[in-house]
N, C-alpha and C. Protein backbone atom coordinates (compact mmCIF):
# COMPACT_ATOMS: atom_id res chain seq x y z
N UNK A 1 67.45 135.23 92.68
CA UNK A 1 67.77 134.25 91.65
C UNK A 1 69.24 134.36 91.27
N UNK A 2 69.96 133.27 91.31
CA UNK A 2 71.39 133.26 90.97
C UNK A 2 71.55 133.00 89.49
N UNK A 3 72.49 133.72 88.89
CA UNK A 3 72.78 133.53 87.47
C UNK A 3 74.26 133.76 87.25
N UNK A 4 74.98 132.69 86.87
CA UNK A 4 76.40 132.84 86.64
C UNK A 4 77.10 133.24 87.92
N UNK A 5 77.82 134.33 87.86
CA UNK A 5 78.54 134.82 89.04
C UNK A 5 77.81 135.98 89.70
N UNK A 6 76.51 136.01 89.56
CA UNK A 6 75.77 137.10 90.17
C UNK A 6 74.39 136.67 90.63
N UNK A 7 73.73 137.57 91.36
CA UNK A 7 72.38 137.34 91.87
C UNK A 7 71.50 138.48 91.39
N UNK A 8 70.32 138.14 90.89
CA UNK A 8 69.39 139.17 90.43
C UNK A 8 68.25 139.31 91.41
N UNK A 9 67.95 140.55 91.78
CA UNK A 9 66.81 140.87 92.63
C UNK A 9 65.80 141.61 91.78
N UNK A 10 64.68 140.96 91.48
CA UNK A 10 63.62 141.58 90.68
C UNK A 10 62.36 141.55 91.51
N UNK A 11 62.23 142.53 92.39
CA UNK A 11 61.14 142.54 93.36
C UNK A 11 60.76 143.98 93.66
N UNK A 12 59.58 144.37 93.21
CA UNK A 12 59.14 145.74 93.44
C UNK A 12 58.76 146.03 94.87
N UNK A 13 58.63 144.99 95.71
CA UNK A 13 58.18 145.18 97.09
C UNK A 13 59.23 144.82 98.13
N UNK A 14 60.47 144.60 97.71
CA UNK A 14 61.52 144.25 98.66
C UNK A 14 61.79 145.44 99.59
N UNK A 15 62.10 145.15 100.84
CA UNK A 15 62.43 146.22 101.80
C UNK A 15 63.93 146.47 101.78
N UNK A 16 64.33 147.59 102.36
CA UNK A 16 65.76 147.89 102.44
C UNK A 16 66.50 146.85 103.27
N UNK A 17 65.89 146.40 104.36
CA UNK A 17 66.55 145.39 105.19
C UNK A 17 66.70 144.08 104.43
N UNK A 18 65.69 143.70 103.67
CA UNK A 18 65.77 142.47 102.89
C UNK A 18 66.84 142.58 101.81
N UNK A 19 66.90 143.73 101.14
CA UNK A 19 67.92 143.92 100.12
C UNK A 19 69.31 143.89 100.74
N UNK A 20 69.45 144.53 101.89
CA UNK A 20 70.75 144.54 102.57
C UNK A 20 71.19 143.12 102.92
N UNK A 21 70.27 142.32 103.39
CA UNK A 21 70.59 140.93 103.74
C UNK A 21 71.01 140.16 102.49
N UNK A 22 70.30 140.36 101.38
CA UNK A 22 70.64 139.66 100.14
C UNK A 22 72.01 140.08 99.62
N UNK A 23 72.29 141.39 99.67
CA UNK A 23 73.58 141.90 99.20
C UNK A 23 74.71 141.36 100.06
N UNK A 24 74.53 141.38 101.38
CA UNK A 24 75.58 140.89 102.28
C UNK A 24 75.87 139.41 102.06
N UNK A 25 74.81 138.61 101.91
CA UNK A 25 75.00 137.17 101.69
C UNK A 25 75.69 136.91 100.36
N UNK A 26 75.30 137.64 99.33
CA UNK A 26 75.90 137.45 98.01
C UNK A 26 77.38 137.85 98.02
N UNK A 27 77.66 138.99 98.63
CA UNK A 27 79.05 139.47 98.65
C UNK A 27 79.95 138.53 99.45
N UNK A 28 79.41 137.93 100.50
CA UNK A 28 80.21 136.97 101.27
C UNK A 28 80.60 135.76 100.43
N UNK A 29 79.81 135.48 99.38
CA UNK A 29 80.07 134.36 98.50
C UNK A 29 80.74 134.77 97.20
N UNK A 30 81.18 136.01 97.14
CA UNK A 30 81.87 136.49 95.95
C UNK A 30 80.96 136.77 94.78
N UNK A 31 79.67 136.96 95.03
CA UNK A 31 78.70 137.22 93.97
C UNK A 31 78.32 138.70 93.94
N UNK A 32 78.03 139.20 92.75
CA UNK A 32 77.54 140.56 92.60
C UNK A 32 76.02 140.53 92.52
N UNK A 33 75.40 141.65 92.89
CA UNK A 33 73.94 141.73 92.93
C UNK A 33 73.46 142.81 91.96
N UNK A 34 72.52 142.42 91.12
CA UNK A 34 71.88 143.38 90.22
C UNK A 34 70.40 143.41 90.54
N UNK A 35 69.75 144.53 90.34
CA UNK A 35 68.35 144.60 90.73
C UNK A 35 67.49 145.49 89.87
N UNK A 36 66.25 145.05 89.68
CA UNK A 36 65.17 145.89 89.15
C UNK A 36 64.30 146.21 90.35
N UNK A 37 64.41 147.43 90.85
CA UNK A 37 63.79 147.81 92.11
C UNK A 37 62.70 148.84 91.90
N UNK A 38 61.89 149.01 92.93
CA UNK A 38 60.85 150.04 92.92
C UNK A 38 60.64 150.56 94.34
N UNK A 39 60.51 149.64 95.30
CA UNK A 39 60.32 150.04 96.69
C UNK A 39 61.58 150.64 97.30
N UNK A 40 62.73 150.28 96.76
CA UNK A 40 64.02 150.83 97.19
C UNK A 40 64.53 151.76 96.11
N UNK A 41 64.89 152.98 96.48
CA UNK A 41 65.36 153.96 95.50
C UNK A 41 66.79 153.66 95.08
N UNK A 42 67.24 154.31 94.03
CA UNK A 42 68.61 154.11 93.57
C UNK A 42 69.62 154.53 94.63
N UNK A 43 69.37 155.66 95.28
CA UNK A 43 70.30 156.14 96.31
C UNK A 43 70.37 155.14 97.47
N UNK A 44 69.21 154.63 97.88
CA UNK A 44 69.18 153.67 98.98
C UNK A 44 69.91 152.39 98.60
N UNK A 45 69.69 151.91 97.38
CA UNK A 45 70.35 150.69 96.92
C UNK A 45 71.86 150.87 96.84
N UNK A 46 72.29 152.06 96.40
CA UNK A 46 73.73 152.33 96.33
C UNK A 46 74.34 152.34 97.73
N UNK A 47 73.66 152.94 98.69
CA UNK A 47 74.16 152.96 100.07
C UNK A 47 74.24 151.55 100.65
N UNK A 48 73.30 150.70 100.26
CA UNK A 48 73.27 149.32 100.76
C UNK A 48 74.42 148.50 100.17
N UNK A 49 74.84 148.84 98.93
CA UNK A 49 75.96 148.14 98.32
C UNK A 49 75.63 147.33 97.09
N UNK A 50 74.47 147.56 96.48
CA UNK A 50 74.13 146.84 95.25
C UNK A 50 75.18 147.14 94.18
N UNK A 51 75.40 146.20 93.29
CA UNK A 51 76.46 146.34 92.29
C UNK A 51 75.97 146.89 90.96
N UNK A 52 74.70 146.65 90.63
CA UNK A 52 74.20 147.05 89.32
C UNK A 52 72.70 147.29 89.41
N UNK A 53 72.22 148.30 88.70
CA UNK A 53 70.80 148.62 88.65
C UNK A 53 70.31 148.50 87.21
N UNK A 54 69.20 147.80 87.03
CA UNK A 54 68.69 147.54 85.69
C UNK A 54 67.72 148.62 85.23
N UNK A 55 67.61 148.74 83.90
CA UNK A 55 66.66 149.60 83.22
C UNK A 55 67.05 151.07 83.26
N UNK A 56 68.34 151.32 83.09
CA UNK A 56 68.79 152.71 83.03
C UNK A 56 68.38 153.46 84.27
N UNK A 57 67.88 154.68 84.07
CA UNK A 57 67.43 155.49 85.20
C UNK A 57 65.91 155.48 85.32
N UNK A 58 65.25 154.62 84.55
CA UNK A 58 63.79 154.68 84.53
C UNK A 58 63.12 153.90 85.65
N UNK A 59 63.88 153.17 86.48
CA UNK A 59 63.27 152.43 87.59
C UNK A 59 63.45 153.12 88.93
N UNK A 60 64.01 154.33 88.92
CA UNK A 60 64.22 155.06 90.17
C UNK A 60 62.93 155.75 90.60
N UNK A 61 62.58 155.65 91.87
CA UNK A 61 61.31 156.20 92.37
C UNK A 61 61.50 157.29 93.42
N UNK A 62 62.70 157.81 93.58
CA UNK A 62 63.02 158.67 94.72
C UNK A 62 62.19 159.96 94.75
N UNK A 63 61.76 160.47 93.61
CA UNK A 63 61.02 161.73 93.57
C UNK A 63 59.52 161.53 93.39
N UNK A 64 59.06 160.30 93.27
CA UNK A 64 57.63 160.06 93.08
C UNK A 64 56.85 160.62 94.27
N UNK A 65 55.78 161.38 94.03
CA UNK A 65 55.12 162.12 95.11
C UNK A 65 54.52 161.25 96.20
N UNK A 66 54.14 160.00 95.89
CA UNK A 66 53.54 159.14 96.90
C UNK A 66 54.51 158.08 97.41
N UNK A 67 55.82 158.30 97.19
CA UNK A 67 56.81 157.31 97.60
C UNK A 67 56.93 157.27 99.12
N UNK A 68 56.80 156.06 99.66
CA UNK A 68 56.98 155.83 101.09
C UNK A 68 58.10 154.81 101.27
N UNK A 69 58.80 154.83 102.40
CA UNK A 69 59.90 153.89 102.61
C UNK A 69 59.46 152.43 102.42
N UNK A 70 60.27 151.69 101.68
CA UNK A 70 60.06 150.24 101.48
C UNK A 70 58.77 149.92 100.73
N UNK A 71 58.23 150.89 100.02
CA UNK A 71 56.98 150.69 99.29
C UNK A 71 57.12 151.25 97.88
N UNK A 72 56.64 150.51 96.90
CA UNK A 72 56.68 151.00 95.53
C UNK A 72 55.62 152.08 95.34
N UNK A 73 55.94 153.10 94.58
CA UNK A 73 54.99 154.18 94.34
C UNK A 73 53.97 153.77 93.28
N UNK A 74 52.85 154.49 93.20
CA UNK A 74 51.82 154.16 92.23
C UNK A 74 52.27 154.46 90.80
N UNK A 75 53.10 155.48 90.62
CA UNK A 75 53.56 155.81 89.27
C UNK A 75 54.68 154.88 88.80
N UNK A 76 55.30 154.17 89.75
CA UNK A 76 56.33 153.17 89.44
C UNK A 76 57.45 153.78 88.61
N UNK A 77 57.91 154.97 88.94
CA UNK A 77 59.14 155.58 88.45
C UNK A 77 59.01 156.60 87.34
N UNK A 78 57.93 156.62 86.58
CA UNK A 78 57.84 157.55 85.46
C UNK A 78 57.96 159.00 85.91
N UNK A 79 57.38 159.32 87.06
CA UNK A 79 57.41 160.69 87.56
C UNK A 79 58.84 161.13 87.83
N UNK A 80 59.61 160.29 88.50
CA UNK A 80 61.00 160.66 88.84
C UNK A 80 61.82 160.88 87.58
N UNK A 81 61.68 159.99 86.60
CA UNK A 81 62.45 160.14 85.37
C UNK A 81 62.13 161.46 84.68
N UNK A 82 60.87 161.85 84.69
CA UNK A 82 60.45 163.06 83.99
C UNK A 82 60.81 164.33 84.75
N UNK A 83 60.82 164.29 86.08
CA UNK A 83 60.92 165.51 86.87
C UNK A 83 62.27 165.74 87.55
N UNK A 84 63.21 164.83 87.39
CA UNK A 84 64.51 165.01 88.03
C UNK A 84 65.24 166.22 87.45
N UNK A 85 65.65 167.13 88.30
CA UNK A 85 66.35 168.33 87.86
C UNK A 85 67.81 168.01 87.56
N UNK A 86 68.51 168.87 86.82
CA UNK A 86 69.93 168.64 86.56
C UNK A 86 70.75 168.49 87.83
N UNK A 87 70.44 169.30 88.86
CA UNK A 87 71.18 169.20 90.12
C UNK A 87 70.94 167.85 90.78
N UNK A 88 69.69 167.40 90.80
CA UNK A 88 69.36 166.10 91.39
C UNK A 88 69.99 164.96 90.58
N UNK A 89 70.01 165.11 89.26
CA UNK A 89 70.62 164.08 88.42
C UNK A 89 72.12 163.99 88.67
N UNK A 90 72.77 165.14 88.78
CA UNK A 90 74.22 165.15 89.05
C UNK A 90 74.52 164.51 90.40
N UNK A 91 73.68 164.80 91.40
CA UNK A 91 73.90 164.24 92.73
C UNK A 91 73.72 162.72 92.72
N UNK A 92 72.71 162.24 92.00
CA UNK A 92 72.47 160.80 91.91
C UNK A 92 73.62 160.11 91.19
N UNK A 93 74.03 160.67 90.06
CA UNK A 93 75.12 160.07 89.29
C UNK A 93 76.39 160.01 90.13
N UNK A 94 76.68 161.08 90.86
CA UNK A 94 77.88 161.10 91.71
C UNK A 94 77.81 160.02 92.78
N UNK A 95 76.62 159.81 93.35
CA UNK A 95 76.46 158.79 94.39
C UNK A 95 76.66 157.40 93.82
N UNK A 96 76.12 157.15 92.63
CA UNK A 96 76.27 155.83 92.00
C UNK A 96 77.74 155.54 91.70
N UNK A 97 78.42 156.53 91.18
CA UNK A 97 79.84 156.34 90.85
C UNK A 97 80.67 156.16 92.12
N UNK A 98 80.35 156.93 93.14
CA UNK A 98 81.09 156.83 94.41
C UNK A 98 80.96 155.43 95.02
N UNK A 99 79.79 154.82 94.84
CA UNK A 99 79.56 153.48 95.39
C UNK A 99 79.86 152.37 94.37
N UNK A 100 80.41 152.73 93.23
CA UNK A 100 80.79 151.77 92.18
C UNK A 100 79.59 150.95 91.70
N UNK A 101 78.46 151.62 91.50
CA UNK A 101 77.25 150.97 91.02
C UNK A 101 77.17 151.13 89.51
N UNK A 102 77.08 150.02 88.78
CA UNK A 102 76.89 150.06 87.33
C UNK A 102 75.41 150.23 87.02
N UNK A 103 75.12 150.68 85.81
CA UNK A 103 73.75 150.82 85.32
C UNK A 103 73.62 149.99 84.04
N UNK A 104 72.55 149.21 83.95
CA UNK A 104 72.28 148.47 82.72
C UNK A 104 71.22 149.19 81.91
N UNK A 105 71.60 149.63 80.72
CA UNK A 105 70.66 150.28 79.82
C UNK A 105 69.78 149.23 79.15
N UNK A 106 68.47 149.45 79.17
CA UNK A 106 67.54 148.57 78.45
C UNK A 106 66.60 149.43 77.61
N UNK A 107 67.19 150.23 76.74
CA UNK A 107 66.41 151.17 75.95
C UNK A 107 65.39 150.51 75.01
N UNK A 108 65.64 149.32 74.45
CA UNK A 108 64.65 148.75 73.53
C UNK A 108 63.28 148.53 74.17
N UNK A 109 63.25 148.14 75.45
CA UNK A 109 61.97 147.94 76.11
C UNK A 109 61.17 149.23 76.18
N UNK A 110 61.82 150.33 76.53
CA UNK A 110 61.15 151.62 76.61
C UNK A 110 60.78 152.11 75.22
N UNK A 111 61.66 151.91 74.25
CA UNK A 111 61.38 152.35 72.88
C UNK A 111 60.19 151.61 72.30
N UNK A 112 60.03 150.33 72.65
CA UNK A 112 58.88 149.56 72.16
C UNK A 112 57.58 150.16 72.68
N UNK A 113 57.58 150.60 73.93
CA UNK A 113 56.40 151.23 74.50
C UNK A 113 56.08 152.52 73.77
N UNK A 114 57.10 153.31 73.48
CA UNK A 114 56.91 154.57 72.77
C UNK A 114 56.32 154.30 71.38
N UNK A 115 56.86 153.29 70.70
CA UNK A 115 56.39 152.97 69.35
C UNK A 115 54.92 152.58 69.37
N UNK A 116 54.53 151.75 70.32
CA UNK A 116 53.14 151.31 70.38
C UNK A 116 52.19 152.45 70.69
N UNK A 117 52.70 153.49 71.35
CA UNK A 117 51.84 154.63 71.66
C UNK A 117 51.81 155.64 70.52
N UNK A 118 52.47 155.32 69.43
CA UNK A 118 52.41 156.18 68.27
C UNK A 118 53.28 157.41 68.35
N UNK A 119 54.19 157.45 69.33
CA UNK A 119 55.04 158.62 69.51
C UNK A 119 56.37 158.49 68.79
N UNK A 120 56.59 157.33 68.18
CA UNK A 120 57.89 157.09 67.57
C UNK A 120 57.71 156.17 66.37
N UNK A 121 58.36 156.47 65.26
CA UNK A 121 58.33 155.56 64.13
C UNK A 121 59.02 154.26 64.50
N UNK A 122 58.66 153.18 63.83
CA UNK A 122 59.35 151.92 64.08
C UNK A 122 58.51 150.91 64.81
N UNK A 123 57.17 151.11 64.85
CA UNK A 123 56.32 150.15 65.53
C UNK A 123 56.18 148.86 64.73
N UNK A 124 56.60 148.87 63.47
CA UNK A 124 56.58 147.66 62.65
C UNK A 124 57.97 147.03 62.68
N UNK A 125 58.01 145.75 62.96
CA UNK A 125 59.29 145.06 63.07
C UNK A 125 59.81 144.65 61.71
N UNK A 126 61.13 144.46 61.64
CA UNK A 126 61.74 143.91 60.43
C UNK A 126 61.21 142.49 60.21
N UNK A 127 61.06 142.06 58.96
CA UNK A 127 60.57 140.70 58.68
C UNK A 127 61.36 139.62 59.40
N UNK A 128 62.69 139.78 59.51
CA UNK A 128 63.51 138.77 60.17
C UNK A 128 63.13 138.62 61.64
N UNK A 129 62.74 139.73 62.28
CA UNK A 129 62.34 139.65 63.68
C UNK A 129 61.01 138.93 63.80
N UNK A 130 60.06 139.25 62.93
CA UNK A 130 58.77 138.58 62.96
C UNK A 130 58.91 137.07 62.75
N UNK A 131 59.82 136.70 61.88
CA UNK A 131 60.03 135.28 61.61
C UNK A 131 60.63 134.55 62.81
N UNK A 132 61.38 135.27 63.63
CA UNK A 132 62.05 134.65 64.78
C UNK A 132 61.15 134.51 65.99
N UNK A 133 60.01 135.21 65.99
CA UNK A 133 59.11 135.18 67.13
C UNK A 133 58.20 133.96 67.05
N UNK A 134 57.90 133.35 68.19
CA UNK A 134 56.96 132.24 68.24
C UNK A 134 55.62 132.68 67.66
N UNK A 135 54.93 131.79 66.93
CA UNK A 135 53.67 132.18 66.27
C UNK A 135 52.65 132.85 67.19
N UNK A 136 52.48 132.34 68.40
CA UNK A 136 51.49 132.93 69.30
C UNK A 136 51.88 134.34 69.70
N UNK A 137 53.17 134.55 69.92
CA UNK A 137 53.66 135.88 70.29
C UNK A 137 53.56 136.82 69.09
N UNK A 138 53.87 136.31 67.91
CA UNK A 138 53.75 137.12 66.69
C UNK A 138 52.31 137.57 66.48
N UNK A 139 51.35 136.67 66.69
CA UNK A 139 49.94 137.03 66.53
C UNK A 139 49.54 138.11 67.53
N UNK A 140 50.04 137.99 68.76
CA UNK A 140 49.72 138.99 69.78
C UNK A 140 50.31 140.35 69.41
N UNK A 141 51.54 140.32 68.88
CA UNK A 141 52.19 141.57 68.47
C UNK A 141 51.41 142.24 67.35
N UNK A 142 51.05 141.47 66.31
CA UNK A 142 50.34 142.04 65.16
C UNK A 142 48.96 142.56 65.58
N UNK A 143 48.31 141.84 66.47
CA UNK A 143 47.00 142.30 66.95
C UNK A 143 47.14 143.63 67.67
N UNK A 144 48.13 143.71 68.55
CA UNK A 144 48.32 144.93 69.33
C UNK A 144 48.74 146.10 68.45
N UNK A 145 49.64 145.84 67.49
CA UNK A 145 50.17 146.93 66.67
C UNK A 145 49.14 147.45 65.68
N UNK A 146 48.11 146.66 65.36
CA UNK A 146 47.09 147.09 64.40
C UNK A 146 45.87 147.72 65.06
N UNK A 147 45.85 147.73 66.38
CA UNK A 147 44.73 148.36 67.09
C UNK A 147 44.86 149.88 67.02
N UNK A 148 43.75 150.61 67.15
CA UNK A 148 43.84 152.09 67.21
C UNK A 148 44.77 152.52 68.33
N UNK A 149 45.60 153.53 68.07
CA UNK A 149 46.57 153.98 69.06
C UNK A 149 45.90 154.81 70.15
N UNK A 150 46.29 154.62 71.39
CA UNK A 150 45.75 155.47 72.47
C UNK A 150 46.34 156.88 72.37
N UNK A 151 45.80 157.77 73.16
CA UNK A 151 46.36 159.12 73.20
C UNK A 151 47.82 159.05 73.62
N UNK A 152 48.63 159.88 73.01
CA UNK A 152 50.06 159.85 73.30
C UNK A 152 50.33 160.27 74.75
N UNK A 153 51.20 159.53 75.41
CA UNK A 153 51.61 159.89 76.77
C UNK A 153 52.95 160.60 76.68
N UNK A 154 53.65 160.62 77.79
CA UNK A 154 54.97 161.24 77.82
C UNK A 154 56.08 160.23 77.56
N UNK A 155 55.75 159.07 76.98
CA UNK A 155 56.74 158.01 76.80
C UNK A 155 57.93 158.46 75.95
N UNK A 156 57.67 159.27 74.91
CA UNK A 156 58.77 159.74 74.08
C UNK A 156 59.71 160.63 74.89
N UNK A 157 59.15 161.44 75.78
CA UNK A 157 59.96 162.28 76.66
C UNK A 157 60.77 161.42 77.62
N UNK A 158 60.16 160.35 78.15
CA UNK A 158 60.88 159.45 79.06
C UNK A 158 62.05 158.78 78.35
N UNK A 159 61.84 158.40 77.10
CA UNK A 159 62.92 157.76 76.35
C UNK A 159 64.08 158.74 76.17
N UNK A 160 63.78 159.95 75.76
CA UNK A 160 64.83 160.95 75.57
C UNK A 160 65.53 161.28 76.88
N UNK A 161 64.74 161.38 77.95
CA UNK A 161 65.31 161.70 79.25
C UNK A 161 66.22 160.56 79.72
N UNK A 162 65.78 159.33 79.51
CA UNK A 162 66.60 158.19 79.88
C UNK A 162 67.91 158.16 79.11
N UNK A 163 67.84 158.47 77.83
CA UNK A 163 69.05 158.53 77.01
C UNK A 163 70.02 159.58 77.53
N UNK A 164 69.49 160.76 77.84
CA UNK A 164 70.34 161.86 78.31
C UNK A 164 71.03 161.52 79.63
N UNK A 165 70.30 160.88 80.53
CA UNK A 165 70.87 160.52 81.83
C UNK A 165 71.95 159.46 81.68
N UNK A 166 71.74 158.50 80.78
CA UNK A 166 72.75 157.48 80.56
C UNK A 166 74.02 158.09 79.97
N UNK A 167 73.85 159.02 79.07
CA UNK A 167 75.03 159.67 78.48
C UNK A 167 75.78 160.48 79.53
N UNK A 168 75.04 161.18 80.40
CA UNK A 168 75.68 161.96 81.46
C UNK A 168 76.39 161.04 82.45
N UNK A 169 75.83 159.90 82.73
CA UNK A 169 76.43 158.93 83.65
C UNK A 169 77.78 158.46 83.12
N UNK A 170 77.85 158.12 81.85
CA UNK A 170 79.10 157.67 81.24
C UNK A 170 80.11 158.81 81.19
N UNK A 171 79.64 160.01 80.85
CA UNK A 171 80.54 161.17 80.78
C UNK A 171 81.18 161.46 82.13
N UNK A 172 80.45 161.13 83.21
CA UNK A 172 80.98 161.38 84.56
C UNK A 172 81.89 160.25 85.04
N UNK A 173 82.01 159.19 84.25
CA UNK A 173 82.88 158.08 84.62
C UNK A 173 82.16 156.83 85.07
N UNK A 174 80.83 156.78 84.91
CA UNK A 174 80.05 155.62 85.32
C UNK A 174 80.17 154.46 84.34
N UNK A 175 79.94 153.25 84.85
CA UNK A 175 79.99 152.04 84.04
C UNK A 175 78.59 151.72 83.55
N UNK A 176 78.37 151.81 82.24
CA UNK A 176 77.07 151.52 81.63
C UNK A 176 77.16 150.19 80.88
N UNK A 177 76.21 149.31 81.18
CA UNK A 177 76.08 148.02 80.50
C UNK A 177 74.85 148.08 79.61
N UNK A 178 74.57 147.01 78.88
CA UNK A 178 73.43 147.05 77.97
C UNK A 178 72.77 145.69 77.86
N UNK A 179 71.44 145.71 77.69
CA UNK A 179 70.66 144.50 77.46
C UNK A 179 69.33 144.88 76.85
N UNK A 180 68.68 143.96 76.14
CA UNK A 180 67.46 144.33 75.41
C UNK A 180 66.20 144.39 76.26
N UNK A 181 66.20 143.73 77.45
CA UNK A 181 64.99 143.64 78.26
C UNK A 181 63.85 143.05 77.43
N UNK A 182 64.01 141.83 76.90
CA UNK A 182 62.99 141.28 76.01
C UNK A 182 61.68 141.04 76.71
N UNK A 183 60.61 141.52 76.11
CA UNK A 183 59.29 141.39 76.72
C UNK A 183 58.27 140.80 75.75
N UNK A 184 58.74 139.98 74.79
CA UNK A 184 57.84 139.18 73.97
C UNK A 184 56.91 139.95 73.07
N UNK A 185 55.71 140.26 73.56
CA UNK A 185 54.68 140.77 72.66
C UNK A 185 55.00 142.12 72.05
N UNK A 186 55.97 142.85 72.61
CA UNK A 186 56.38 144.12 72.00
C UNK A 186 57.29 143.89 70.79
N UNK A 187 57.69 142.63 70.56
CA UNK A 187 58.59 142.33 69.45
C UNK A 187 60.04 142.51 69.82
N UNK A 188 60.32 142.73 71.09
CA UNK A 188 61.69 142.91 71.56
C UNK A 188 62.20 141.56 72.06
N UNK A 189 63.09 140.93 71.30
CA UNK A 189 63.58 139.60 71.64
C UNK A 189 65.10 139.59 71.67
N UNK A 190 65.71 138.62 72.38
CA UNK A 190 67.17 138.54 72.43
C UNK A 190 67.78 138.47 71.04
N UNK A 191 68.97 139.00 70.91
CA UNK A 191 69.63 139.01 69.61
C UNK A 191 69.27 140.25 68.84
N UNK A 192 68.08 140.27 68.27
CA UNK A 192 67.63 141.46 67.55
C UNK A 192 67.47 142.63 68.52
N UNK A 193 67.03 142.33 69.73
CA UNK A 193 66.91 143.39 70.74
C UNK A 193 68.25 143.98 71.11
N UNK A 194 69.28 143.13 71.14
CA UNK A 194 70.63 143.64 71.43
C UNK A 194 71.12 144.56 70.32
N UNK A 195 70.80 144.21 69.08
CA UNK A 195 71.16 145.09 67.97
C UNK A 195 70.44 146.43 68.09
N UNK A 196 69.16 146.36 68.45
CA UNK A 196 68.38 147.59 68.61
C UNK A 196 68.95 148.44 69.74
N UNK A 197 69.43 147.80 70.81
CA UNK A 197 70.03 148.55 71.91
C UNK A 197 71.22 149.38 71.42
N UNK A 198 72.06 148.79 70.59
CA UNK A 198 73.21 149.53 70.07
C UNK A 198 72.74 150.71 69.23
N UNK A 199 71.72 150.49 68.39
CA UNK A 199 71.18 151.59 67.58
C UNK A 199 70.68 152.73 68.47
N UNK A 200 69.98 152.37 69.54
CA UNK A 200 69.42 153.39 70.41
C UNK A 200 70.50 154.11 71.21
N UNK A 201 71.57 153.41 71.56
CA UNK A 201 72.68 154.08 72.24
C UNK A 201 73.30 155.14 71.32
N UNK A 202 73.39 154.82 70.03
CA UNK A 202 73.90 155.80 69.07
C UNK A 202 72.93 156.97 68.97
N UNK A 203 71.62 156.67 68.95
CA UNK A 203 70.62 157.75 68.92
C UNK A 203 70.72 158.61 70.19
N UNK A 204 71.16 157.99 71.28
CA UNK A 204 71.30 158.73 72.53
C UNK A 204 72.47 159.71 72.50
N UNK A 205 73.38 159.52 71.55
CA UNK A 205 74.51 160.43 71.43
C UNK A 205 75.87 159.78 71.59
N UNK A 206 75.90 158.46 71.81
CA UNK A 206 77.18 157.77 71.89
C UNK A 206 77.71 157.51 70.49
N UNK A 207 79.04 157.56 70.35
CA UNK A 207 79.65 157.17 69.09
C UNK A 207 79.43 155.67 68.89
N UNK A 208 79.37 155.20 67.64
CA UNK A 208 79.15 153.77 67.41
C UNK A 208 80.13 152.87 68.16
N UNK A 209 81.41 153.26 68.20
CA UNK A 209 82.38 152.44 68.92
C UNK A 209 82.06 152.42 70.41
N UNK A 210 81.62 153.55 70.97
CA UNK A 210 81.21 153.58 72.37
C UNK A 210 80.04 152.65 72.62
N UNK A 211 79.05 152.69 71.73
CA UNK A 211 77.86 151.86 71.89
C UNK A 211 78.21 150.38 71.86
N UNK A 212 79.11 150.00 70.96
CA UNK A 212 79.53 148.60 70.88
C UNK A 212 80.26 148.19 72.14
N UNK A 213 81.12 149.09 72.65
CA UNK A 213 81.87 148.78 73.87
C UNK A 213 80.90 148.61 75.05
N UNK A 214 79.90 149.47 75.16
CA UNK A 214 78.93 149.37 76.24
C UNK A 214 78.17 148.05 76.15
N UNK A 215 77.83 147.64 74.94
CA UNK A 215 77.02 146.44 74.74
C UNK A 215 77.81 145.14 74.85
N UNK A 216 79.13 145.24 74.90
CA UNK A 216 79.94 144.02 74.94
C UNK A 216 80.83 144.00 76.18
């Protein structure tokens, strides 16, 4: 899908050859390629020449135990985010920077999941956000948020781990971008979601001025 001066690849089942073809065609036309991937790991995408990877470090599947070439794993990245060692993280960050690959942080989407699982305060939205949501989506949000909470997963750990990796990426010289990743029923919508992204970047350890620069 083309958008502005770039092309977005949002396909969990794309093969490396298909991604390479898309990247080559886009670059020949002066377009950059950003992707939300699963079947292709971050290292593979960087080697192919992708320009930007979405969703921080939480979409990388390189360490998932059932990962096979050109196939999305069953855990769909949570395992890799949780189990990546400092040495592996440093190696990945170095590879991304060497290939000039930017990372787009979408912390609000992950934070919304954590909130719904009861692992984080803030599952109730500000009144202004509720008023901005379409009535049907607002009803779905209120229904979901008032249901009994499931057993807590490791989502809070994933959020913290994602924050730490993004901070390490910037400290090493990487280019971090930001977006809310709006997903409707979680209450994460454009505008307010962008504000929440800046708040979460500060919670991750960035100075407020750094967070604003990343988001703009």
